Amino acid sequence: MNLDKEAMRTAIKAQIKRLAAMLDADASDLEPSELIPASGYIDSAGLLELIAWFESAYELRVSPEDFTIDNLGTIDAMVQFAHQRKGVA
């Protein structure tokens, strides 16, 4: 598990691109600060799959109360959430 911020951004975006491709969408233009649900690149099932992958990849648990736009709505928010959970500055 690599907690380098740039490596995490790259890995999360790659996962989003993979999920988007399953819907015949190209998420290459997704910015780290862009709202993932509002982007239209993945659907709600894809978002759940992204979160499941995120939990597995970064060995953390996302509880229902943590499942918010502020914590998981953007690539940058996901990186920050993982860092907070892992105690990384």
Protein backbone atom coordinates (compact mmCIF):
# COMPACT_ATOMS: atom_id res chain seq x y z
CA MET A 1 0.00 0.00 0.00
CA ASN A 2 1.56 3.25 -1.16
CA LEU A 3 0.31 6.32 0.72
CA ASP A 4 2.21 8.83 -1.41
CA LYS A 5 -0.42 11.42 -2.35
CA GLU A 6 0.42 11.50 -6.04
CA ALA A 7 0.56 7.69 -6.27
CA MET A 8 -2.81 7.52 -4.54
CA ARG A 9 -4.33 10.09 -6.92
CA THR A 10 -3.02 8.09 -9.87
CA ALA A 11 -4.35 4.78 -8.52
CA ILE A 12 -7.78 6.19 -7.66
CA LYS A 13 -8.10 7.87 -11.05
CA ALA A 14 -7.07 4.65 -12.80
CA GLN A 15 -9.83 2.82 -10.94
CA ILE A 16 -12.37 5.49 -11.90
CA LYS A 17 -11.25 5.29 -15.52
CA ARG A 18 -11.65 1.50 -15.45
CA LEU A 19 -15.16 1.78 -14.02
CA ALA A 20 -16.09 4.53 -16.49
CA ALA A 21 -14.86 2.44 -19.42
CA MET A 22 -17.35 -0.24 -18.41
CA LEU A 23 -20.05 2.38 -19.13
CA ASP A 24 -18.39 3.44 -22.40
CA ALA A 25 -17.18 6.68 -20.81
CA ASP A 26 -13.70 8.19 -20.77
CA ALA A 27 -12.81 9.70 -17.39
CA SER A 28 -9.35 10.87 -18.48
CA ASP A 29 -10.34 14.50 -17.97
CA LEU A 30 -11.49 14.01 -14.36
CA GLU A 31 -9.65 16.48 -12.13
CA PRO A 32 -8.61 15.52 -8.56
CA SER A 33 -10.93 18.18 -7.11
CA GLU A 34 -13.91 17.36 -9.36
CA LEU A 35 -16.96 15.76 -7.73
CA ILE A 36 -16.97 12.13 -8.82
CA PRO A 37 -20.75 11.56 -8.48
CA ALA A 38 -21.53 14.74 -10.42
CA SER A 39 -19.03 13.97 -13.19
CA GLY A 40 -21.31 11.41 -14.81
CA TYR A 41 -18.40 9.06 -15.47
CA ILE A 42 -19.62 6.32 -13.13
CA ASP A 43 -23.03 5.35 -11.83
CA SER A 44 -24.06 4.55 -8.26
CA ALA A 45 -23.01 0.90 -8.61
CA GLY A 46 -19.64 2.06 -9.90
CA LEU A 47 -19.30 4.42 -6.96
CA LEU A 48 -19.92 1.56 -4.54
CA GLU A 49 -17.37 -0.56 -6.40
CA LEU A 50 -14.88 2.32 -6.20
CA ILE A 51 -15.35 2.57 -2.42
CA ALA A 52 -14.98 -1.20 -1.99
CA TRP A 53 -11.74 -1.08 -4.00
CA PHE A 54 -10.57 1.94 -1.96
CA GLU A 55 -11.16 0.11 1.33
CA SER A 56 -9.25 -2.91 0.09
CA ALA A 57 -6.40 -1.03 -1.58
CA TYR A 58 -5.72 1.18 1.44
CA GLU A 59 -6.69 -1.33 4.14
CA LEU A 60 -9.31 0.81 5.81
CA ARG A 61 -12.98 0.64 6.61
CA VAL A 62 -15.43 3.28 5.46
CA SER A 63 -18.33 3.33 7.89
CA PRO A 64 -21.77 4.50 6.74
CA GLU A 65 -21.39 7.85 8.51
CA ASP A 66 -18.09 8.44 6.68
CA PHE A 67 -19.68 7.88 3.28
CA THR A 68 -20.01 11.60 2.45
CA ILE A 69 -19.05 13.97 -0.35
CA ASP A 70 -16.60 15.67 2.01
CA ASN A 71 -14.76 12.39 2.66
CA LEU A 72 -15.11 10.51 -0.62
CA GLY A 73 -16.58 12.85 -3.22
CA THR A 74 -13.36 13.72 -5.02
CA ILE A 75 -10.02 12.06 -5.62
CA ASP A 76 -8.37 14.63 -3.34
CA ALA A 77 -10.97 14.01 -0.60
CA MET A 78 -10.34 10.26 -0.81
CA VAL A 79 -6.58 10.80 -0.45
CA GLN A 80 -7.13 13.08 2.54
CA PHE A 81 -9.59 10.64 4.13
CA ALA A 82 -7.12 7.75 3.83
CA HIS A 83 -4.31 9.88 5.27
CA GLN A 84 -6.48 10.89 8.25
CA ARG A 85 -7.49 7.28 8.87
CA LYS A 86 -3.90 6.06 8.61
CA GLY A 87 -2.49 8.91 10.71
CA VAL A 88 -0.32 10.22 7.86
CA ALA A 89 0.48 13.93 7.79
